[in-house]
Protein backbone atom coordinates (compact mmCIF):
# COMPACT_ATOMS: atom_id res chain seq x y z
CA MET A 1 -38.99 54.28 -150.96
CA THR A 2 -36.25 52.91 -153.20
CA ILE A 3 -35.23 55.02 -156.22
CA THR A 4 -34.18 53.00 -159.28
CA LEU A 5 -31.47 54.26 -161.63
CA ASP A 6 -30.51 52.44 -164.83
CA LEU A 7 -26.94 52.72 -166.07
CA ASN A 8 -28.09 52.07 -169.65
CA HIS A 9 -30.08 55.35 -169.60
CA LEU A 10 -27.11 57.36 -168.45
CA PRO A 11 -26.21 59.14 -171.73
CA GLY A 12 -29.67 60.55 -172.47
CA ASP A 13 -31.19 61.05 -169.01
CA SER A 14 -29.91 64.11 -167.21
CA HIS A 15 -31.73 63.24 -163.98
CA THR A 16 -30.04 59.84 -163.79
CA ARG A 17 -26.68 61.39 -164.56
CA ARG A 18 -27.08 64.07 -161.89
CA THR A 19 -28.27 61.58 -159.27
CA LEU A 20 -25.38 59.22 -159.96
CA SER A 21 -22.99 62.15 -159.58
CA GLU A 22 -24.52 62.95 -156.19
CA ILE A 23 -24.06 59.34 -155.12
CA SER A 24 -20.43 59.46 -156.24
CA LEU A 25 -19.86 62.68 -154.28
CA SER A 26 -21.52 61.21 -151.19
CA LEU A 27 -19.23 58.20 -151.43
CA ALA A 28 -16.15 60.42 -151.76
CA LYS A 29 -17.15 62.35 -148.63
CA SER A 30 -17.88 59.24 -146.56
CA LYS A 31 -15.30 57.95 -144.11
CA LYS A 32 -16.76 54.65 -142.84
CA ILE A 33 -18.13 52.63 -145.75
CA VAL A 34 -19.38 49.05 -145.38
CA VAL A 35 -19.38 46.95 -148.57
CA VAL A 36 -21.45 43.76 -148.94
CA THR A 37 -20.81 41.71 -152.07
CA GLY A 38 -22.07 38.53 -153.70
CA ALA A 39 -21.22 36.31 -156.63
CA GLY A 40 -22.31 38.96 -159.16
CA ILE A 41 -19.06 40.92 -158.82
CA SER A 42 -17.04 37.94 -160.15
CA CYS A 43 -19.13 37.16 -163.21
CA SER A 44 -17.00 39.34 -165.50
CA CYS A 45 -13.92 37.21 -164.78
CA GLY A 46 -15.60 33.94 -165.83
CA ILE A 47 -16.95 32.65 -162.51
CA PRO A 48 -20.73 31.97 -162.69
CA ASP A 49 -23.10 33.10 -160.02
CA PHE A 50 -25.69 30.88 -158.36
CA ARG A 51 -29.23 31.88 -159.23
CA SER A 52 -29.08 33.30 -162.75
CA SER A 53 -30.18 31.32 -165.81
CA ASP A 54 -26.59 30.33 -166.56
CA GLY A 55 -25.50 30.09 -162.91
CA LEU A 56 -24.18 27.23 -160.85
CA TYR A 57 -27.58 25.88 -159.85
CA ALA A 58 -28.65 25.47 -163.47
CA LEU A 59 -25.28 23.95 -164.38
CA VAL A 60 -25.47 21.35 -161.61
CA LYS A 61 -29.01 20.34 -162.50
CA GLU A 62 -28.03 19.95 -166.14
CA ARG A 63 -24.95 17.81 -165.43
CA PHE A 64 -26.39 15.65 -162.66
CA PRO A 65 -30.13 15.31 -163.29
CA ASP A 66 -30.38 11.93 -161.55
CA VAL A 67 -28.61 13.03 -158.39
CA VAL A 68 -30.23 16.34 -157.47
CA LEU A 69 -33.65 17.77 -158.00
CA LYS A 70 -32.54 21.38 -157.60
CA GLY A 71 -29.15 22.99 -157.95
CA ARG A 72 -29.38 24.27 -154.38
CA ASP A 73 -29.33 20.67 -153.11
CA LEU A 74 -25.70 20.28 -154.11
CA PHE A 75 -24.76 23.04 -151.64
CA ASP A 76 -26.77 21.68 -148.74
CA ALA A 77 -25.09 20.07 -145.72
CA ALA A 78 -27.40 17.05 -146.07
CA LEU A 79 -25.51 15.84 -149.17
CA PHE A 80 -22.88 14.13 -146.96
CA ARG A 81 -25.51 11.60 -145.90
CA ASP A 82 -25.38 9.96 -149.32
CA ALA A 83 -22.16 8.64 -150.88
CA THR A 84 -23.32 9.42 -154.44
CA SER A 85 -24.19 13.04 -153.74
CA THR A 86 -20.92 13.41 -151.83
CA ALA A 87 -18.90 12.13 -154.80
CA VAL A 88 -20.77 14.46 -157.16
CA PHE A 89 -20.10 17.38 -154.82
CA TYR A 90 -16.36 16.67 -154.73
CA THR A 91 -16.21 16.38 -158.53
CA PHE A 92 -18.09 19.62 -159.06
CA ILE A 93 -16.01 21.54 -156.53
CA SER A 94 -12.74 20.40 -158.12
CA GLY A 95 -13.84 21.80 -161.50
CA LEU A 96 -14.98 25.04 -159.90
CA LYS A 97 -11.67 25.40 -158.08
CA ARG A 98 -9.71 25.04 -161.32
CA SER A 99 -11.79 27.72 -163.05
CA ILE A 100 -11.31 30.09 -160.10
CA ASP A 101 -7.55 29.60 -160.26
CA LEU A 102 -7.60 30.96 -163.82
CA ALA A 103 -9.69 34.02 -162.94
CA LYS A 104 -8.35 37.49 -162.22
CA PRO A 105 -9.78 40.21 -159.97
CA THR A 106 -12.37 42.48 -161.55
CA PRO A 107 -12.58 46.30 -161.41
CA THR A 108 -15.05 45.90 -158.56
CA HIS A 109 -12.44 44.09 -156.48
CA HIS A 110 -9.94 46.85 -157.19
CA PHE A 111 -12.57 49.45 -156.26
CA ILE A 112 -12.97 47.87 -152.82
CA LYS A 113 -9.20 47.92 -152.42
CA THR A 114 -9.20 51.61 -153.43
CA LEU A 115 -11.66 52.40 -150.66
CA ASP A 116 -9.38 50.63 -148.22
CA SER A 117 -6.25 52.45 -149.42
CA LYS A 118 -8.06 55.81 -149.13
CA LYS A 119 -8.96 55.00 -145.49
CA LYS A 120 -12.69 54.96 -146.28
CA LEU A 121 -13.47 51.25 -145.96
CA LEU A 122 -14.76 50.16 -142.58
CA ARG A 123 -15.16 46.51 -143.56
CA SER A 124 -16.02 44.29 -146.52
CA TYR A 125 -18.43 41.36 -146.17
CA THR A 126 -18.64 38.86 -149.01
CA GLN A 127 -20.59 35.71 -149.82
CA ASN A 128 -18.02 34.64 -152.39
CA ILE A 129 -15.76 31.66 -151.92
CA ASP A 130 -13.33 32.54 -154.74
CA GLY A 131 -10.92 34.53 -152.55
CA LEU A 132 -10.29 37.22 -155.20
CA GLU A 133 -10.37 39.91 -152.53
CA ALA A 134 -7.21 38.45 -151.04
CA ARG A 135 -5.44 38.76 -154.39
CA VAL A 136 -5.95 42.53 -154.44
CA GLY A 137 -4.56 42.86 -150.91
CA LEU A 138 -7.59 42.57 -148.58
CA LEU A 139 -6.86 40.24 -145.68
CA GLY A 140 -9.72 37.76 -145.30
CA THR A 141 -10.92 35.67 -142.38
CA SER A 142 -9.84 32.44 -144.08
CA CYS A 143 -6.27 33.60 -144.62
CA GLN A 144 -3.61 32.00 -142.47
CA GLU A 145 -2.20 35.44 -141.60
CA ALA A 146 -5.52 36.36 -139.94
CA LYS A 147 -5.39 33.49 -137.45
CA SER A 148 -4.73 34.45 -133.87
CA THR A 149 -1.82 32.80 -132.09
CA GLY A 150 -2.83 33.83 -128.58
CA LYS A 151 -4.51 31.78 -125.87
CA GLY A 152 -7.73 33.79 -125.84
CA LYS A 153 -11.14 32.79 -127.12
CA ASN A 154 -10.81 34.73 -130.36
CA LYS A 155 -9.47 32.73 -133.26
CA LEU A 156 -8.95 35.77 -135.49
CA ARG A 157 -7.09 39.05 -135.31
CA THR A 158 -10.15 41.19 -135.84
CA LYS A 159 -8.29 44.49 -136.12
CA ASP A 160 -6.30 43.33 -139.15
CA ILE A 161 -9.16 41.71 -141.07
CA ARG A 162 -10.46 43.79 -143.96
CA ASN A 163 -12.69 41.23 -145.68
CA VAL A 164 -15.09 38.87 -143.87
CA GLN A 165 -15.75 35.69 -145.85
CA LEU A 166 -19.24 34.66 -144.79
CA HIS A 167 -19.25 31.37 -146.72
CA GLY A 168 -15.65 30.23 -146.36
CA ASP A 169 -12.85 29.83 -148.91
CA ILE A 170 -12.52 27.25 -151.65
CA HIS A 171 -8.73 27.54 -151.56
CA ARG A 172 -8.58 25.67 -148.23
CA VAL A 173 -9.68 22.23 -147.02
CA ARG A 174 -10.91 21.28 -143.56
CA CYS A 175 -11.02 17.99 -141.70
CA MET A 176 -14.52 16.78 -140.87
CA ALA A 177 -13.29 15.18 -137.61
CA CYS A 178 -10.70 17.47 -136.00
CA SER A 179 -11.42 20.69 -138.00
CA ALA A 180 -7.76 21.09 -138.98
CA GLU A 181 -7.30 23.32 -142.04
CA TYR A 182 -4.78 23.04 -144.87
CA PRO A 183 -4.27 24.82 -148.19
CA CYS A 184 -5.95 23.08 -151.11
CA THR A 185 -3.21 21.59 -153.29
CA GLU A 186 -3.13 19.75 -156.59
CA GLU A 187 -3.06 16.44 -154.74
CA HIS A 188 -6.36 17.29 -153.10
CA LEU A 189 -7.93 18.29 -156.43
CA VAL A 190 -6.92 15.01 -158.05
CA SER A 191 -8.59 13.12 -155.23
CA PHE A 192 -11.73 15.29 -155.48
CA GLU A 193 -12.01 14.68 -159.21
CA LYS A 194 -12.24 10.94 -158.52
CA GLY A 195 -15.12 11.57 -156.10
CA THR A 196 -13.09 10.67 -153.00
CA ALA A 197 -11.79 12.74 -150.10
CA PRO A 198 -8.17 12.49 -148.90
CA ASP A 199 -7.38 11.56 -145.31
CA CYS A 200 -6.50 14.19 -142.74
CA PRO A 201 -2.74 14.21 -141.98
CA GLU A 202 -3.35 15.38 -138.41
CA CYS A 203 -5.72 12.56 -137.57
CA LEU A 204 -3.49 10.03 -139.34
CA SER A 205 -0.39 11.00 -137.35
CA ARG A 206 -2.26 10.92 -134.05
CA SER A 207 -3.70 7.52 -134.80
CA GLU A 208 -0.31 6.09 -135.73
CA ALA A 209 1.22 7.52 -132.56
CA ARG A 210 -1.43 5.81 -130.45
CA VAL A 211 -0.89 2.49 -132.19
CA ALA A 212 2.86 2.78 -131.65
CA ARG A 213 2.36 2.95 -127.88
CA SER A 214 -0.11 0.01 -127.98
CA ALA A 215 -3.19 2.21 -127.63
CA ARG A 216 -6.46 2.04 -129.48
CA ALA A 217 -6.46 3.73 -132.89
CA ILE A 218 -8.77 6.70 -133.45
CA ARG A 219 -10.96 7.48 -136.43
CA VAL A 220 -9.16 9.27 -139.25
CA GLY A 221 -11.21 12.13 -140.66
CA SER A 222 -11.47 13.10 -144.33
CA LEU A 223 -10.75 16.49 -145.88
CA ARG A 224 -13.48 18.54 -147.54
CA PRO A 225 -13.55 22.01 -149.11
CA ALA A 226 -13.58 24.67 -146.37
CA ILE A 227 -16.81 26.30 -147.56
CA VAL A 228 -20.02 26.80 -145.58
CA LEU A 229 -23.07 25.00 -146.97
CA TYR A 230 -26.74 25.59 -146.29
CA ASP A 231 -27.94 24.54 -142.82
CA GLU A 232 -24.36 24.46 -141.62
CA SER A 233 -22.81 26.61 -138.94
CA HIS A 234 -19.74 28.66 -139.68
CA PRO A 235 -16.59 27.49 -137.84
CA LEU A 236 -15.74 31.14 -137.16
CA GLY A 237 -19.30 32.21 -136.39
CA ASP A 238 -18.49 33.67 -132.97
CA ASP A 239 -15.62 35.75 -134.31
CA ILE A 240 -17.68 37.02 -137.25
CA GLY A 241 -20.48 37.96 -134.87
CA SER A 242 -18.08 39.98 -132.73
CA ILE A 243 -16.74 41.74 -135.83
CA HIS A 244 -20.27 42.59 -136.90
CA SER A 245 -21.15 44.01 -133.48
CA ALA A 246 -17.94 46.04 -133.36
CA ASP A 247 -18.63 47.57 -136.78
CA LEU A 248 -22.13 48.58 -135.71
CA THR A 249 -20.76 50.47 -132.71
CA ARG A 250 -18.38 52.39 -134.96
CA LYS A 251 -21.40 53.97 -136.73
CA PRO A 252 -20.79 53.52 -140.48
CA ASP A 253 -21.99 56.34 -142.72
CA MET A 254 -22.62 54.46 -146.00
CA LEU A 255 -23.57 50.93 -147.11
CA ILE A 256 -22.90 49.59 -150.62
CA ILE A 257 -24.45 46.26 -151.65
CA MET A 258 -23.25 44.73 -154.93
CA GLY A 259 -23.81 41.49 -156.84
CA THR A 260 -26.19 39.68 -154.45
CA SER A 261 -29.91 38.94 -154.51
CA LEU A 262 -30.25 39.15 -150.70
CA LYS A 263 -31.90 35.75 -150.31
CA VAL A 264 -29.79 34.23 -147.52
CA HIS A 265 -31.24 34.78 -144.07
CA GLY A 266 -27.96 35.59 -142.32
CA LEU A 267 -27.00 38.15 -144.94
CA LYS A 268 -30.43 39.78 -144.81
CA LYS A 269 -30.10 40.34 -141.08
CA LEU A 270 -26.60 41.77 -141.47
CA VAL A 271 -27.70 44.26 -144.16
CA LYS A 272 -30.73 45.42 -142.19
CA ASP A 273 -28.64 46.00 -139.07
CA PHE A 274 -26.16 48.19 -140.94
CA ALA A 275 -28.93 50.09 -142.79
CA ARG A 276 -30.77 50.80 -139.53
CA THR A 277 -27.62 52.17 -137.92
CA ILE A 278 -26.80 54.35 -140.92
CA HIS A 279 -30.32 55.79 -141.21
CA SER A 280 -30.53 56.54 -137.50
CA SER A 281 -27.29 58.48 -137.59
CA SER A 282 -28.33 60.47 -140.68
CA SER A 283 -31.87 61.27 -139.47
CA SER A 284 -30.59 64.24 -137.48
CA SER A 285 -29.28 65.86 -140.65
CA SER A 286 -31.08 69.07 -141.63
CA SER A 287 -30.62 68.52 -145.36
CA SER A 288 -33.88 68.37 -147.32
CA LYS A 289 -32.44 66.03 -149.96
CA LYS A 290 -32.64 62.26 -149.61
CA PRO A 291 -29.33 61.04 -148.21
CA CYS A 292 -27.32 58.66 -150.42
CA LYS A 293 -26.61 56.22 -147.65
CA VAL A 294 -27.69 52.68 -148.73
CA VAL A 295 -26.93 51.86 -152.38
CA PHE A 296 -27.80 48.53 -154.02
CA VAL A 297 -26.10 47.64 -157.34
CA ASN A 298 -27.44 44.55 -159.10
CA LYS A 299 -29.10 43.44 -162.30
CA THR A 300 -32.21 42.16 -160.53
CA ALA A 301 -34.39 44.40 -158.39
CA PRO A 302 -34.70 43.76 -154.64
CA GLY A 303 -37.93 42.52 -153.07
CA SER A 304 -40.62 44.67 -151.55
CA GLU A 305 -39.27 44.07 -148.07
CA TRP A 306 -36.29 46.28 -148.92
CA SER A 307 -38.26 49.38 -149.89
CA ASP A 308 -37.57 51.10 -146.56
CA VAL A 309 -34.03 49.77 -146.27
CA ILE A 310 -32.40 50.53 -149.65
CA ASP A 311 -32.25 54.17 -150.80
CA TYR A 312 -31.05 53.68 -154.39
CA HIS A 313 -31.10 50.67 -156.68
CA ILE A 314 -28.66 50.97 -159.58
CA VAL A 315 -29.46 48.54 -162.39
CA GLY A 316 -26.39 47.34 -164.27
CA GLU A 317 -23.00 45.74 -163.96
CA THR A 318 -21.00 46.42 -160.86
CA ASP A 319 -17.82 47.01 -162.89
CA GLN A 320 -19.53 49.74 -164.91
CA TRP A 321 -20.80 51.56 -161.85
CA THR A 322 -17.54 51.38 -159.90
CA THR A 323 -15.60 52.69 -162.89
CA LYS A 324 -17.93 55.70 -163.16
CA VAL A 325 -17.68 56.38 -159.43
CA VAL A 326 -13.88 56.50 -159.61
CA GLU A 327 -14.03 58.89 -162.60
CA ASP A 328 -16.47 61.25 -160.85
CA TRP A 329 -14.44 61.06 -157.67
CA LYS A 330 -11.26 62.18 -159.43
CA LYS A 331 -13.10 65.12 -161.04
CA MET A 332 -14.91 66.31 -157.93
CA ARG A 333 -12.14 65.79 -155.36
CA PRO A 334 -8.77 65.67 -157.11
CA VAL A 335 -6.98 66.28 -153.80
CA ASP A 336 -7.88 62.75 -152.66
CA TRP A 337 -5.90 61.31 -155.55
CA GLU A 338 -2.73 63.33 -155.16
CA VAL A 339 0.28 61.14 -154.49
CA GLN A 340 3.46 62.59 -153.03
CA GLN A 341 6.35 61.90 -155.37
CA THR A 342 9.78 60.88 -154.18
CA LEU A 343 12.56 62.51 -156.21
CA VAL A 344 15.71 60.50 -156.73
CA HIS A 345 18.93 62.49 -156.45
CA GLY A 346 20.69 62.48 -159.82
CA SER A 347 23.55 64.26 -161.50
CA GLY A 348 23.54 68.01 -161.85
CA ASP A 349 23.31 67.84 -165.62
CA SER A 350 20.06 65.86 -165.63
CA PRO A 351 16.89 67.79 -166.53
CA VAL A 352 15.28 66.73 -163.25
CA ALA A 353 18.11 68.21 -161.23
CA LYS A 354 18.05 71.45 -163.23
CA GLY A 355 14.34 71.92 -162.49
CA LEU A 356 14.78 71.62 -158.75
CA LYS A 357 15.46 74.66 -156.62
CA VAL A 358 16.27 74.70 -152.91
CA VAL A 359 14.04 77.28 -151.26
CA LYS A 360 15.18 76.87 -147.68
CA SER A 361 17.78 74.58 -146.25
CA LEU A 362 16.62 72.47 -143.33
CA VAL A 363 20.13 71.54 -142.26
CA VAL A 364 21.66 73.74 -139.56
CA PRO A 365 25.06 75.01 -140.73
CA LEU A 366 28.12 74.28 -138.65
CA VAL A 367 29.29 77.22 -136.54
CA LYS A 368 32.98 77.96 -136.97
CA ASP A 369 33.30 81.15 -134.98
CA LYS A 370 31.54 82.85 -132.14
CA LYS A 371 29.89 85.62 -134.11
CA ALA A 372 28.31 83.23 -136.57
CA GLY A 373 26.70 81.21 -133.81
CA GLU A 374 25.40 83.97 -131.54
CA GLY A 375 21.85 83.68 -132.82
CA ILE A 376 21.71 79.88 -132.77
CA GLU A 377 20.58 78.10 -129.64
CA ASN A 378 21.67 74.76 -128.26
CA ILE A 379 24.59 74.36 -130.63
CA ALA A 380 27.93 73.69 -129.03
CA PRO A 381 30.84 75.68 -130.47
CA ILE A 382 33.35 73.75 -132.52
CA PRO A 383 36.66 73.45 -130.65
CA PRO A 384 39.77 74.69 -132.50
CA THR A 385 41.50 71.95 -134.42
CA SER A 386 45.16 71.45 -135.13
CA ALA A 387 44.70 72.84 -138.62
CA THR A 388 43.48 76.20 -137.28
CA THR A 389 45.79 76.52 -134.28
CA GLY A 390 48.88 75.10 -135.90
CA ALA A 391 49.75 73.10 -132.78
CA LYS A 392 50.61 69.46 -132.84
CA SER A 393 47.64 67.27 -131.99
CA SER A 394 48.08 65.23 -128.83
CA PRO A 395 46.54 61.83 -128.21
CA PRO A 396 43.20 61.93 -126.42
CA LEU A 397 43.30 61.57 -122.68
CA SER A 398 41.57 58.82 -120.78
CA PRO A 399 38.12 59.69 -119.37
CA SER A 400 39.50 59.90 -115.84
CA LYS A 401 42.17 62.44 -116.83
CA ARG A 402 40.07 64.66 -119.06
CA GLN A 403 39.56 68.17 -117.82
CA ARG A 404 35.97 68.76 -116.81
CA LYS A 405 34.41 72.09 -117.57
CA ALA A 406 31.70 73.80 -115.59
CA SER A 407 29.33 73.54 -118.57
CA HIS A 408 29.21 71.87 -121.96
CA TYR A 409 28.95 75.36 -123.43
CA ASP A 410 31.21 78.34 -122.87
CA ASP A 411 30.42 80.77 -120.07
CA VAL A 412 29.41 83.35 -122.64
CA GLU A 413 26.55 81.17 -123.87
CA VAL A 414 25.45 80.03 -120.43
CA SER A 415 22.74 81.90 -118.57
CA PRO A 416 23.91 83.81 -115.44
CA SER A 417 21.95 81.46 -113.16
CA LYS A 418 23.74 78.41 -114.54
CA ARG A 419 27.15 79.98 -114.90
CA GLN A 420 29.72 78.38 -112.61
CA SER A 421 33.10 79.50 -111.50
CA THR A 422 36.09 77.79 -113.12
CA SER A 423 38.68 79.47 -110.91
CA ASP A 424 41.48 77.33 -109.47
CA ARG A 425 41.09 79.01 -106.05
CA HIS A 426 38.14 77.22 -104.46
CA HIS A 427 38.95 78.24 -100.85
CA ALA A 428 39.19 81.73 -99.41
CA MET A 429 41.27 80.52 -96.45
CA PRO A 430 45.07 80.51 -96.85
CA SER A 431 46.64 77.12 -97.32
CA GLU A 432 48.95 77.53 -94.28
CA GLU A 433 45.97 78.20 -91.96
CA ARG A 434 43.62 75.67 -93.60
CA LYS A 435 45.06 72.71 -91.67
CA LEU A 436 45.03 74.37 -88.24
CA LEU A 437 41.43 73.43 -87.53
CA PHE A 438 42.56 69.88 -86.84
CA LYS A 439 45.98 68.77 -85.67
CA GLU A 440 47.81 66.49 -88.04
CA THR A 441 49.53 64.43 -85.39
CA THR A 442 49.05 61.19 -87.29
CA ASN A 443 51.96 61.86 -89.65
CA LYS A 444 53.91 64.16 -87.33
CA GLN A 445 56.44 63.29 -84.65
CA PRO A 446 55.21 64.12 -81.13
CA SER A 447 56.66 67.13 -79.39
CA SER A 448 59.46 66.58 -76.90
CA THR A 449 58.38 69.27 -74.48
CA ILE A 450 55.12 70.10 -72.83
CA ASP A 451 55.50 73.75 -73.67
CA LYS A 452 55.02 73.02 -77.37
CA LEU A 453 51.64 71.47 -76.58
CA GLU A 454 50.30 74.77 -75.30
CA VAL A 455 51.57 76.64 -78.35
CA SER A 456 49.67 74.27 -80.72
CA VAL A 457 46.52 76.31 -80.36
CA SER A 458 46.58 79.00 -83.05
CA ARG A 459 44.76 82.25 -83.48
CA LEU A 460 42.30 80.58 -85.84
CA ASP A 461 41.34 78.09 -83.09
CA ILE A 462 40.68 80.99 -80.74
CA SER A 463 38.39 82.64 -83.25
CA ILE A 464 36.27 79.51 -83.55
CA CYS A 465 36.41 77.96 -80.11
CA ASP A 466 35.15 79.45 -76.91
CA ALA A 467 37.82 80.94 -74.61
CA SER A 468 36.45 79.10 -71.60
CA MET A 469 36.92 75.79 -73.36
CA ARG A 470 40.51 76.68 -74.15
CA GLU A 471 41.16 77.48 -70.48
CA ALA A 472 39.66 74.13 -69.50
CA ASP A 473 41.92 72.37 -71.98
CA ILE A 474 45.04 74.10 -70.59
CA SER A 475 43.97 73.29 -67.01
CA TYR A 476 43.43 69.66 -67.99
CA THR A 477 46.94 69.53 -69.51
CA ALA A 478 48.57 70.98 -66.35
CA LEU A 479 46.63 68.54 -64.17
CA CYS A 480 47.76 65.56 -66.24
CA ARG A 481 51.37 66.76 -65.97
CA ALA A 482 51.10 67.00 -62.18
CA LYS A 483 49.77 63.42 -61.89
CA LEU A 484 52.66 61.80 -63.77
CA PRO A 485 54.52 59.25 -61.63
CA VAL A 486 57.87 60.17 -60.27
CA GLY A 487 60.76 59.47 -62.61
CA SER A 488 58.69 59.57 -65.83
CA SER A 489 59.95 61.76 -68.58
CA LYS A 490 58.10 64.39 -70.53
CA ASP A 491 58.12 62.17 -73.61
CA THR A 492 56.02 59.66 -71.71
CA PHE A 493 53.39 62.30 -71.13
CA SER A 494 53.58 63.40 -74.75
CA LYS A 495 52.97 59.83 -75.98
CA ALA A 496 50.12 59.33 -73.55
CA GLU A 497 48.61 62.63 -74.64
CA THR A 498 48.90 61.93 -78.39
CA SER A 499 46.06 59.83 -79.92
CA GLN A 500 45.25 58.67 -83.44
CA MET A 501 43.06 61.71 -84.06
CA ASP A 502 44.05 64.41 -81.52
CA ILE A 503 41.63 67.33 -81.47
CA SER A 504 42.87 70.64 -80.13
CA ILE A 505 39.72 71.22 -78.08
CA ARG A 506 39.04 68.13 -75.97
CA ASP A 507 35.56 66.96 -75.19
CA LEU A 508 35.40 66.02 -71.53
CA SER A 509 32.57 63.55 -72.21
CA MET A 510 34.83 61.44 -74.45
CA ARG A 511 37.33 58.71 -73.66
CA ASP A 512 40.03 60.94 -72.11
CA ALA A 513 37.59 62.45 -69.61
CA GLU A 514 36.32 59.00 -68.65
CA ALA A 515 39.92 57.83 -68.12
CA PHE A 516 40.64 60.89 -66.01
CA LEU A 517 37.57 60.33 -63.85
CA ALA A 518 38.55 56.70 -63.36
CA ASP A 519 41.88 57.79 -61.81
CA LEU A 520 40.17 60.00 -59.24
CA PRO A 521 39.53 58.54 -55.78
CA PRO A 522 35.97 57.30 -55.31
CA ALA A 523 33.56 59.62 -53.57
CA GLN A 524 32.82 58.84 -49.94
CA PRO A 525 29.22 57.73 -49.37
CA SER A 526 27.10 59.85 -47.06
CA ARG A 527 26.29 56.86 -44.85
CA LYS A 528 27.84 53.47 -44.16
CA LEU A 529 26.34 50.59 -46.04
CA PRO A 530 26.58 46.98 -44.98
CA SER A 531 29.30 44.91 -46.59
CA ASN A 532 26.88 42.58 -48.39
CA ILE A 533 24.99 45.46 -49.98
CA HIS A 534 28.28 47.00 -51.18
CA ALA A 535 29.30 43.67 -52.75
CA ARG A 536 25.90 43.31 -54.43
CA GLN A 537 26.21 46.81 -55.92
CA THR A 538 29.71 45.96 -57.18
CA ARG A 539 28.42 42.87 -59.00
CA ALA A 540 25.48 44.76 -60.46
CA ALA A 541 27.62 47.59 -61.74
CA PRO A 542 28.33 46.04 -65.19
CA ARG A 543 24.61 45.43 -65.78
CA ARG A 544 23.73 49.00 -64.86
CA ALA A 545 26.38 50.27 -67.27
CA ALA A 546 24.78 48.38 -70.17
CA LYS A 547 21.36 49.98 -69.57
CA PRO A 548 20.30 53.10 -71.46
CA LYS A 549 21.48 56.43 -70.16
CA GLY A 550 19.41 57.72 -67.31
CA ARG A 551 19.71 60.42 -64.74
CA VAL A 552 23.33 60.94 -63.68
CA SER A 553 23.91 60.72 -59.92
CA SER A 554 25.26 63.66 -58.04
CA ALA A 555 28.37 61.64 -57.03
CA LYS A 556 29.53 61.49 -60.65
CA LYS A 557 28.71 65.09 -61.44
CA LYS A 558 30.84 66.53 -58.67
CA PRO A 559 34.33 65.79 -60.13
CA CYS A 560 33.39 67.35 -63.47
CA VAL A 561 32.26 70.52 -61.82
CA GLU A 562 35.42 70.67 -59.75
CA LEU A 563 37.58 70.21 -62.87
CA VAL A 564 35.93 73.11 -64.66
CA ALA A 565 36.31 75.29 -61.59
CA ARG A 566 40.00 74.63 -61.52
């Protein structure tokens, strides 16, 4: 059941005053408000509505009695079938456009913008074609900024749209052939006043381009006001439907309907869908009072079909009601209207500066000594400057020559687990014994005597290497000395013994051992083999050497064992 409240009875009726205050408080507490508006919200700025006694329908019937039977006929899509009705439509629209250009937004338009700035407006849906919502800062579906530039199916950026224009925008014109849109300029209005429609620039350029390449010319469309007439589909109908469905899923908590008689079928369905969603979400509330969820503000009462849809009908002007709501809102919830001020830094003698007092400084002071910075974490100490030390400042070193520290903080401020040693002595081994692990024969002249070769093994080598390996090395050296040809000097042996990287402990499996084994006489086979088999094994020897390592024959193992035994 719809409850009716009259704004004219507000001063003397306490019940009406208390109920309106409850509605204002419910609005202030809401977070997702849907606003549906009609032509009634723009009447106070000089733009007539449609169905009132002094509305557009009555004005059209009075001015063109021979052309239309009813004022609604001038806003029907069938008017383009007749040239006379089309000329009358263009003339009427040009006059309406000039009157809209002189109008200014009403308090109701500013109220909708206030809801948006307070983060309480879910979306605004309007039947108006005047575009006054865009002047207060609400981005509409007909605005060029709302057009999507992507390659998807959506033509609009739905997340940025705050006002859905259900019937188009009179400030734009659209081609009847290619649907190209342009802003309505003075040139277009002059053509409309004469009852003619200007040609579409897009179609004209395409036709001229085809003629230039000897192709057939195409039809050039005419421009018309980009408004939606009766029995005409909306060019952005799919996008508006997706916006409507998305808003329903977000579960709005309040619906405000202002300045419309709810006669259009599409608008009736939209309002009923939102009211059903709001009532279903508020039915679980345990409050005994009637929730102020669906509010209808208009001079004329709604029909009987809306008795279960609309909760409150407020009779009166929309500007009067919105002004009262803002006043009650500021009294009941002043916190919502607090604005954080930004103070401009002025001179110390100004009265503003004298009234300010710094309670706590948010800037961390610079630490100049160690004691002052003991309680501060993650602040690097300031290095001593030339002014404090008195020394002459030297030019900064290059990055490659700068001395690297173990930490970017001092060791005192570093935890024990991260503290690193900065000592210059990185090795515990003496420098004179550090190089004895490997012989540096690359940059050293070879020894002239064989006796010096045996002395090259130091005590440090004995501590690391096995004694048996050392004995094998000495035996190998004596054996090489015995196999020198007659007449060769000791220097020849020293040069043969010295390599590019001579290791004190020789590995018998390396190149020197292989060379030594090659000099030994071949082992005698256990039985005589035919000469052809011996030749075939000699030719196959290189191929067997290239194969992976397998089991070593006993004939090759025997010399190695004999060498170690010696």
